């Protein structure tokens, strides 16, 4: 059972708190995140915000010992475990590992955020708003050339 992960439902907007509490209780927890581009309503500054990819859910697994559901329920931010047919729903380790790889590859980020972050990884340092403008111009030129 140690190789299997469980899906934990969290209280509204408490994913980060639930992960911290689950880890503090001695369990392994994972919160997949996605990036999106935000423009501040007053200052008009553009930034990339990272938030939960699966709102209201986190993944967790117990150490090699027997599962302690009581200790999990005592964690703040945790609503409960997802059940199927009267038993806690288990995910294979490979599935959670593939979700982790997809997050590292920025597959859950929106297109503009993904392109900007990939450029930053390659060493291209450019202001975000300039990069977004360049991306939008490229896409509009491609679209107009098809007509």
N, C-alpha and C. Protein backbone atom coordinates (compact mmCIF):
# COMPACT_ATOMS: atom_id res chain seq x y z
N UNK A 1 0.83 -1.19 0.00
CA UNK A 1 0.00 0.00 0.00
C UNK A 1 0.87 1.26 0.00
N UNK A 2 2.16 1.10 0.29
CA UNK A 2 3.04 2.27 0.36
C UNK A 2 3.28 2.88 -1.01
N UNK A 3 3.15 2.06 -2.05
CA UNK A 3 3.38 2.59 -3.39
C UNK A 3 2.17 3.33 -3.95
N UNK A 4 1.05 3.24 -3.29
CA UNK A 4 -0.17 3.86 -3.80
C UNK A 4 -0.40 5.22 -3.16
N UNK A 5 -0.93 6.11 -3.98
CA UNK A 5 -1.27 7.46 -3.53
C UNK A 5 -2.78 7.54 -3.36
N UNK A 6 -3.23 8.46 -2.54
CA UNK A 6 -4.64 8.69 -2.30
C UNK A 6 -4.98 10.12 -2.67
N UNK A 7 -6.23 10.36 -3.04
CA UNK A 7 -6.70 11.70 -3.36
C UNK A 7 -7.40 12.25 -2.13
N UNK A 8 -6.91 13.40 -1.67
CA UNK A 8 -7.46 14.03 -0.47
C UNK A 8 -8.22 15.28 -0.90
N UNK A 9 -9.45 15.39 -0.45
CA UNK A 9 -10.24 16.59 -0.72
C UNK A 9 -9.95 17.61 0.36
N UNK A 10 -9.76 18.86 -0.07
CA UNK A 10 -9.42 19.92 0.88
C UNK A 10 -10.60 20.88 1.05
N UNK A 11 -10.51 21.67 2.09
CA UNK A 11 -11.48 22.74 2.28
C UNK A 11 -11.26 23.78 1.19
N UNK A 12 -12.25 24.63 0.91
CA UNK A 12 -12.09 25.63 -0.15
C UNK A 12 -10.87 26.51 0.06
N UNK A 13 -10.04 26.61 -0.96
CA UNK A 13 -8.84 27.44 -1.00
C UNK A 13 -7.84 27.10 0.10
N UNK A 14 -7.81 25.84 0.51
CA UNK A 14 -6.88 25.42 1.57
C UNK A 14 -5.91 24.34 1.09
N UNK A 15 -5.65 24.29 -0.21
CA UNK A 15 -4.77 23.25 -0.73
C UNK A 15 -3.37 23.36 -0.14
N UNK A 16 -2.81 24.56 -0.14
CA UNK A 16 -1.46 24.76 0.35
C UNK A 16 -1.37 24.44 1.85
N UNK A 17 -2.34 24.89 2.61
CA UNK A 17 -2.36 24.61 4.05
C UNK A 17 -2.48 23.11 4.31
N UNK A 18 -3.32 22.44 3.54
CA UNK A 18 -3.51 21.00 3.72
C UNK A 18 -2.21 20.25 3.44
N UNK A 19 -1.48 20.64 2.38
CA UNK A 19 -0.21 19.98 2.06
C UNK A 19 0.78 20.19 3.20
N UNK A 20 0.87 21.40 3.72
CA UNK A 20 1.79 21.66 4.83
C UNK A 20 1.44 20.81 6.05
N UNK A 21 0.16 20.72 6.36
CA UNK A 21 -0.27 19.95 7.52
C UNK A 21 -0.06 18.45 7.32
N UNK A 22 -0.32 17.97 6.12
CA UNK A 22 -0.11 16.54 5.84
C UNK A 22 1.37 16.20 5.98
N UNK A 23 2.23 17.06 5.46
CA UNK A 23 3.67 16.83 5.60
C UNK A 23 4.11 16.91 7.06
N UNK A 24 3.54 17.84 7.81
CA UNK A 24 3.88 17.97 9.22
C UNK A 24 3.47 16.72 10.00
N UNK A 25 2.40 16.05 9.56
CA UNK A 25 1.95 14.82 10.21
C UNK A 25 2.82 13.62 9.84
N UNK A 26 3.76 13.81 8.92
CA UNK A 26 4.69 12.74 8.57
C UNK A 26 4.33 11.97 7.32
N UNK A 27 3.39 12.48 6.53
CA UNK A 27 3.00 11.81 5.30
C UNK A 27 3.56 12.55 4.10
N UNK A 28 3.56 11.91 2.97
CA UNK A 28 4.03 12.53 1.74
C UNK A 28 2.84 13.19 1.05
N UNK A 29 3.00 14.42 0.57
CA UNK A 29 1.90 15.13 -0.08
C UNK A 29 2.42 15.82 -1.33
N UNK A 30 1.53 15.94 -2.31
CA UNK A 30 1.89 16.57 -3.58
C UNK A 30 0.71 17.41 -4.07
N UNK A 31 1.00 18.67 -4.42
CA UNK A 31 0.00 19.59 -4.95
C UNK A 31 0.43 20.00 -6.35
N UNK A 32 -0.23 19.48 -7.40
CA UNK A 32 0.13 19.91 -8.76
C UNK A 32 -0.27 21.37 -8.97
N UNK A 33 0.61 22.13 -9.61
CA UNK A 33 0.35 23.56 -9.83
C UNK A 33 0.37 23.88 -11.31
N UNK A 34 -0.37 24.93 -11.66
CA UNK A 34 -0.43 25.43 -13.03
C UNK A 34 -0.17 26.92 -13.01
N UNK A 35 0.49 27.41 -14.05
CA UNK A 35 0.80 28.83 -14.14
C UNK A 35 -0.15 29.54 -15.09
N UNK A 36 -0.48 30.78 -14.75
CA UNK A 36 -1.33 31.59 -15.63
C UNK A 36 -0.82 33.02 -15.60
N UNK A 37 -1.12 33.75 -16.64
CA UNK A 37 -0.68 35.13 -16.76
C UNK A 37 -1.74 36.04 -16.17
N UNK A 38 -1.32 36.96 -15.30
CA UNK A 38 -2.23 37.88 -14.62
C UNK A 38 -1.77 39.30 -14.89
N UNK A 39 -2.73 40.17 -15.17
CA UNK A 39 -2.44 41.60 -15.29
C UNK A 39 -3.12 42.30 -14.13
N UNK A 40 -2.31 43.00 -13.32
CA UNK A 40 -2.84 43.67 -12.14
C UNK A 40 -3.84 44.74 -12.58
N UNK A 41 -4.99 44.82 -11.91
CA UNK A 41 -6.07 45.70 -12.35
C UNK A 41 -5.72 47.18 -12.19
N UNK A 42 -4.86 47.52 -11.25
CA UNK A 42 -4.54 48.93 -11.03
C UNK A 42 -3.22 49.34 -11.68
N UNK A 43 -2.18 48.56 -11.42
CA UNK A 43 -0.85 48.94 -11.92
C UNK A 43 -0.60 48.45 -13.34
N UNK A 44 -1.41 47.52 -13.82
CA UNK A 44 -1.30 46.92 -15.15
C UNK A 44 -0.01 46.12 -15.34
N UNK A 45 0.67 45.78 -14.24
CA UNK A 45 1.86 44.95 -14.33
C UNK A 45 1.45 43.52 -14.63
N UNK A 46 2.21 42.88 -15.49
CA UNK A 46 1.93 41.51 -15.89
C UNK A 46 2.83 40.58 -15.08
N UNK A 47 2.23 39.49 -14.57
CA UNK A 47 3.01 38.52 -13.82
C UNK A 47 2.43 37.12 -14.06
N UNK A 48 3.20 36.14 -13.66
CA UNK A 48 2.75 34.75 -13.76
C UNK A 48 2.44 34.28 -12.35
N UNK A 49 1.23 33.81 -12.15
CA UNK A 49 0.80 33.29 -10.86
C UNK A 49 0.65 31.78 -10.97
N UNK A 50 1.13 31.08 -9.95
CA UNK A 50 1.01 29.63 -9.94
C UNK A 50 0.00 29.25 -8.87
N UNK A 51 -0.95 28.43 -9.27
CA UNK A 51 -1.99 27.97 -8.35
C UNK A 51 -2.26 26.50 -8.56
N UNK A 52 -3.15 25.93 -7.78
CA UNK A 52 -3.44 24.50 -7.89
C UNK A 52 -4.02 24.14 -9.25
N UNK A 53 -3.51 23.06 -9.83
CA UNK A 53 -4.04 22.58 -11.10
C UNK A 53 -5.38 21.86 -10.87
N UNK A 54 -5.49 21.18 -9.75
CA UNK A 54 -6.73 20.49 -9.38
C UNK A 54 -7.29 21.18 -8.14
N UNK A 55 -8.15 22.13 -8.34
CA UNK A 55 -8.65 22.93 -7.23
C UNK A 55 -9.47 22.03 -6.29
N UNK A 56 -9.09 22.05 -5.02
CA UNK A 56 -9.81 21.29 -4.01
C UNK A 56 -9.27 19.90 -3.75
N UNK A 57 -8.19 19.51 -4.42
CA UNK A 57 -7.65 18.16 -4.25
C UNK A 57 -6.13 18.17 -4.20
N UNK A 58 -5.57 17.28 -3.39
CA UNK A 58 -4.13 17.05 -3.33
C UNK A 58 -3.91 15.54 -3.31
N UNK A 59 -2.70 15.13 -3.59
CA UNK A 59 -2.35 13.71 -3.53
C UNK A 59 -1.51 13.48 -2.29
N UNK A 60 -1.70 12.31 -1.66
CA UNK A 60 -0.88 11.99 -0.49
C UNK A 60 -0.68 10.49 -0.43
N UNK A 61 0.41 10.13 0.26
CA UNK A 61 0.63 8.70 0.52
C UNK A 61 1.22 8.54 1.90
N UNK A 62 0.93 7.40 2.48
CA UNK A 62 1.42 7.09 3.81
C UNK A 62 2.82 6.50 3.71
N UNK A 63 3.59 6.58 4.78
CA UNK A 63 4.88 5.88 4.78
C UNK A 63 4.63 4.37 4.76
N UNK A 64 5.68 3.60 4.87
CA UNK A 64 5.56 2.15 4.73
C UNK A 64 4.67 1.49 5.77
N UNK A 65 4.34 2.21 6.83
CA UNK A 65 3.51 1.62 7.89
C UNK A 65 2.03 1.59 7.47
N UNK A 66 1.22 1.11 8.37
CA UNK A 66 -0.24 1.02 8.14
C UNK A 66 -0.84 2.42 8.03
N UNK A 67 -1.81 2.64 7.14
CA UNK A 67 -2.42 3.97 7.00
C UNK A 67 -3.08 4.43 8.29
N UNK A 68 -2.88 5.70 8.61
CA UNK A 68 -3.46 6.29 9.81
C UNK A 68 -4.47 7.35 9.35
N UNK A 69 -5.69 6.93 9.11
CA UNK A 69 -6.72 7.84 8.60
C UNK A 69 -7.11 8.89 9.63
N UNK A 70 -7.05 8.52 10.91
CA UNK A 70 -7.40 9.48 11.95
C UNK A 70 -6.42 10.65 11.95
N UNK A 71 -5.13 10.37 11.85
CA UNK A 71 -4.12 11.44 11.84
C UNK A 71 -4.30 12.33 10.61
N UNK A 72 -4.69 11.74 9.49
CA UNK A 72 -4.92 12.54 8.28
C UNK A 72 -6.11 13.47 8.46
N UNK A 73 -7.18 12.96 9.06
CA UNK A 73 -8.37 13.79 9.24
C UNK A 73 -8.14 14.94 10.23
N UNK A 74 -7.14 14.81 11.09
CA UNK A 74 -6.85 15.85 12.06
C UNK A 74 -6.05 17.01 11.45
N UNK A 75 -5.57 16.83 10.23
CA UNK A 75 -4.79 17.89 9.57
C UNK A 75 -5.72 19.03 9.18
N UNK A 76 -5.29 20.25 9.43
CA UNK A 76 -6.09 21.42 9.04
C UNK A 76 -6.14 21.52 7.52
N UNK A 77 -7.29 21.92 7.01
CA UNK A 77 -7.48 22.09 5.59
C UNK A 77 -7.96 20.83 4.89
N UNK A 78 -7.91 19.70 5.56
CA UNK A 78 -8.32 18.43 4.97
C UNK A 78 -9.79 18.20 5.24
N UNK A 79 -10.53 17.95 4.17
CA UNK A 79 -11.96 17.64 4.29
C UNK A 79 -12.17 16.14 4.41
N UNK A 80 -11.44 15.38 3.64
CA UNK A 80 -11.57 13.93 3.67
C UNK A 80 -10.84 13.29 2.52
N UNK A 81 -10.98 11.99 2.41
CA UNK A 81 -10.35 11.22 1.35
C UNK A 81 -11.41 10.83 0.34
N UNK A 82 -11.05 10.78 -0.92
CA UNK A 82 -11.98 10.39 -1.96
C UNK A 82 -12.19 8.88 -1.90
N UNK A 83 -13.45 8.46 -1.81
CA UNK A 83 -13.79 7.05 -1.69
C UNK A 83 -14.44 6.55 -2.97
N UNK A 84 -14.24 5.26 -3.26
CA UNK A 84 -14.89 4.59 -4.38
C UNK A 84 -15.26 3.18 -3.90
N UNK A 85 -16.52 2.84 -3.98
CA UNK A 85 -17.04 1.54 -3.53
C UNK A 85 -16.71 1.27 -2.07
N UNK A 86 -16.79 2.29 -1.22
CA UNK A 86 -16.59 2.12 0.20
C UNK A 86 -15.15 2.04 0.66
N UNK A 87 -14.20 2.16 -0.27
CA UNK A 87 -12.78 2.12 0.09
C UNK A 87 -12.10 3.38 -0.42
N UNK A 88 -11.05 3.84 0.26
CA UNK A 88 -10.31 5.01 -0.25
C UNK A 88 -9.75 4.71 -1.64
N UNK A 89 -9.97 5.65 -2.55
CA UNK A 89 -9.52 5.47 -3.93
C UNK A 89 -8.00 5.59 -4.00
N UNK A 90 -7.36 4.59 -4.60
CA UNK A 90 -5.90 4.58 -4.69
C UNK A 90 -5.46 4.84 -6.12
N UNK A 91 -4.40 5.62 -6.24
CA UNK A 91 -3.78 5.88 -7.53
C UNK A 91 -2.44 5.16 -7.59
N UNK A 92 -2.12 4.62 -8.74
CA UNK A 92 -0.82 3.97 -8.90
C UNK A 92 0.30 5.01 -8.83
N UNK A 93 1.43 4.59 -8.33
CA UNK A 93 2.58 5.48 -8.20
C UNK A 93 3.00 6.04 -9.55
N UNK A 94 2.88 5.24 -10.61
CA UNK A 94 3.28 5.67 -11.95
C UNK A 94 2.41 6.81 -12.46
N UNK A 95 1.13 6.80 -12.10
CA UNK A 95 0.23 7.86 -12.53
C UNK A 95 0.60 9.20 -11.88
N UNK A 96 0.87 9.17 -10.59
CA UNK A 96 1.27 10.40 -9.90
C UNK A 96 2.63 10.86 -10.41
N UNK A 97 3.52 9.93 -10.69
CA UNK A 97 4.83 10.30 -11.24
C UNK A 97 4.68 10.96 -12.61
N UNK A 98 3.73 10.48 -13.42
CA UNK A 98 3.51 11.10 -14.74
C UNK A 98 2.92 12.51 -14.59
N UNK A 99 2.09 12.72 -13.58
CA UNK A 99 1.55 14.06 -13.31
C UNK A 99 2.69 14.99 -12.88
N UNK A 100 3.60 14.48 -12.06
CA UNK A 100 4.75 15.29 -11.63
C UNK A 100 5.64 15.65 -12.81
N UNK A 101 5.87 14.69 -13.71
CA UNK A 101 6.69 14.97 -14.91
C UNK A 101 6.00 15.99 -15.80
N UNK A 102 4.69 15.89 -15.95
CA UNK A 102 3.96 16.85 -16.77
C UNK A 102 4.03 18.25 -16.18
N UNK A 103 3.98 18.36 -14.87
CA UNK A 103 4.10 19.68 -14.24
C UNK A 103 5.50 20.25 -14.47
N UNK A 104 6.53 19.41 -14.34
CA UNK A 104 7.90 19.89 -14.58
C UNK A 104 8.09 20.33 -16.02
N UNK A 105 7.37 19.69 -16.95
CA UNK A 105 7.44 20.06 -18.37
C UNK A 105 6.52 21.23 -18.68
N UNK A 106 5.87 21.78 -17.67
CA UNK A 106 4.98 22.95 -17.78
C UNK A 106 3.76 22.67 -18.65
N UNK A 107 3.29 21.44 -18.67
CA UNK A 107 2.14 21.07 -19.48
C UNK A 107 0.84 21.66 -18.96
N UNK A 108 0.78 22.02 -17.68
CA UNK A 108 -0.46 22.56 -17.11
C UNK A 108 -0.51 24.08 -17.17
N UNK A 109 0.58 24.73 -17.57
CA UNK A 109 0.60 26.18 -17.68
C UNK A 109 -0.11 26.62 -18.95
N UNK A 110 -0.66 27.84 -18.93
CA UNK A 110 -1.24 28.38 -20.15
C UNK A 110 -0.10 28.64 -21.14
N UNK A 111 -0.46 28.77 -22.41
CA UNK A 111 0.55 28.84 -23.46
C UNK A 111 1.58 29.95 -23.25
N UNK A 112 1.13 31.15 -22.92
CA UNK A 112 2.05 32.28 -22.77
C UNK A 112 2.99 32.08 -21.58
N UNK A 113 2.45 31.58 -20.48
CA UNK A 113 3.27 31.36 -19.29
C UNK A 113 4.30 30.26 -19.56
N UNK A 114 3.88 29.23 -20.26
CA UNK A 114 4.79 28.13 -20.57
C UNK A 114 5.94 28.61 -21.45
N UNK A 115 5.62 29.37 -22.48
CA UNK A 115 6.67 29.84 -23.38
C UNK A 115 7.65 30.77 -22.66
N UNK A 116 7.13 31.66 -21.81
CA UNK A 116 8.00 32.58 -21.07
C UNK A 116 8.90 31.82 -20.10
N UNK A 117 8.35 30.86 -19.38
CA UNK A 117 9.14 30.11 -18.40
C UNK A 117 10.16 29.21 -19.07
N UNK A 118 9.83 28.65 -20.25
CA UNK A 118 10.82 27.86 -20.99
C UNK A 118 11.96 28.74 -21.47
N UNK A 119 11.63 29.95 -21.94
CA UNK A 119 12.69 30.89 -22.35
C UNK A 119 13.57 31.25 -21.17
N UNK A 120 12.98 31.45 -20.01
CA UNK A 120 13.75 31.79 -18.81
C UNK A 120 14.67 30.64 -18.42
N UNK A 121 14.21 29.41 -18.58
CA UNK A 121 15.06 28.25 -18.29
C UNK A 121 16.25 28.19 -19.23
N UNK A 122 16.05 28.61 -20.47
CA UNK A 122 17.14 28.59 -21.46
C UNK A 122 18.08 29.78 -21.33
N UNK A 123 17.77 30.68 -20.40
CA UNK A 123 18.66 31.80 -20.15
C UNK A 123 18.23 33.10 -20.79
N UNK A 124 17.11 33.12 -21.51
CA UNK A 124 16.60 34.37 -22.09
C UNK A 124 15.94 35.18 -21.00
N UNK A 125 16.53 36.27 -20.65
CA UNK A 125 15.95 37.15 -19.62
C UNK A 125 15.33 38.34 -20.32
N UNK A 126 14.01 38.40 -20.30
CA UNK A 126 13.27 39.46 -20.95
C UNK A 126 12.07 39.80 -20.07
N UNK A 127 11.69 41.06 -19.98
CA UNK A 127 10.49 41.39 -19.19
C UNK A 127 9.28 40.63 -19.71
N UNK A 128 8.41 40.23 -18.79
CA UNK A 128 7.25 39.41 -19.14
C UNK A 128 6.34 40.10 -20.13
N UNK A 129 6.05 41.38 -19.92
CA UNK A 129 5.12 42.06 -20.83
C UNK A 129 5.70 42.16 -22.24
N UNK A 130 7.01 42.34 -22.38
CA UNK A 130 7.64 42.38 -23.69
C UNK A 130 7.58 41.02 -24.37
N UNK A 131 7.79 39.97 -23.58
CA UNK A 131 7.73 38.61 -24.12
C UNK A 131 6.31 38.28 -24.58
N UNK A 132 5.30 38.66 -23.80
CA UNK A 132 3.91 38.39 -24.19
C UNK A 132 3.55 39.14 -25.46
N UNK A 133 4.00 40.38 -25.58
CA UNK A 133 3.73 41.15 -26.77
C UNK A 133 4.35 40.49 -28.00
N UNK A 134 5.57 40.02 -27.85
CA UNK A 134 6.25 39.34 -28.97
C UNK A 134 5.49 38.06 -29.35
N UNK A 135 5.05 37.28 -28.35
CA UNK A 135 4.31 36.05 -28.63
C UNK A 135 3.00 36.35 -29.36
N UNK A 136 2.30 37.39 -28.92
CA UNK A 136 1.02 37.73 -29.56
C UNK A 136 1.21 38.24 -30.97
N UNK A 137 2.28 39.00 -31.19
CA UNK A 137 2.56 39.46 -32.55
C UNK A 137 2.89 38.30 -33.47
N UNK A 138 3.69 37.36 -32.97
CA UNK A 138 4.01 36.17 -33.78
C UNK A 138 2.75 35.41 -34.16
N UNK A 139 1.87 35.19 -33.19
CA UNK A 139 0.66 34.42 -33.47
C UNK A 139 -0.27 35.18 -34.42
N UNK A 140 -0.35 36.52 -34.31
CA UNK A 140 -1.22 37.27 -35.22
C UNK A 140 -0.64 37.29 -36.62
N UNK A 141 0.67 37.30 -36.74
CA UNK A 141 1.29 37.25 -38.08
C UNK A 141 1.03 35.89 -38.71
N UNK A 142 1.13 34.83 -37.93
CA UNK A 142 0.83 33.50 -38.46
C UNK A 142 -0.62 33.40 -38.91
N UNK A 143 -1.53 33.94 -38.12
CA UNK A 143 -2.95 33.87 -38.46
C UNK A 143 -3.22 34.68 -39.73
N UNK A 144 -2.65 35.88 -39.83
CA UNK A 144 -2.93 36.72 -41.00
C UNK A 144 -2.29 36.14 -42.26
N UNK A 145 -1.20 35.38 -42.12
CA UNK A 145 -0.57 34.81 -43.30
C UNK A 145 -1.37 33.64 -43.85
N UNK A 146 -2.25 33.07 -43.07
CA UNK A 146 -3.09 31.97 -43.53
C UNK A 146 -4.25 32.45 -44.37
N UNK A 147 -4.59 33.71 -44.28
CA UNK A 147 -5.77 34.22 -44.99
C UNK A 147 -5.48 34.53 -46.41
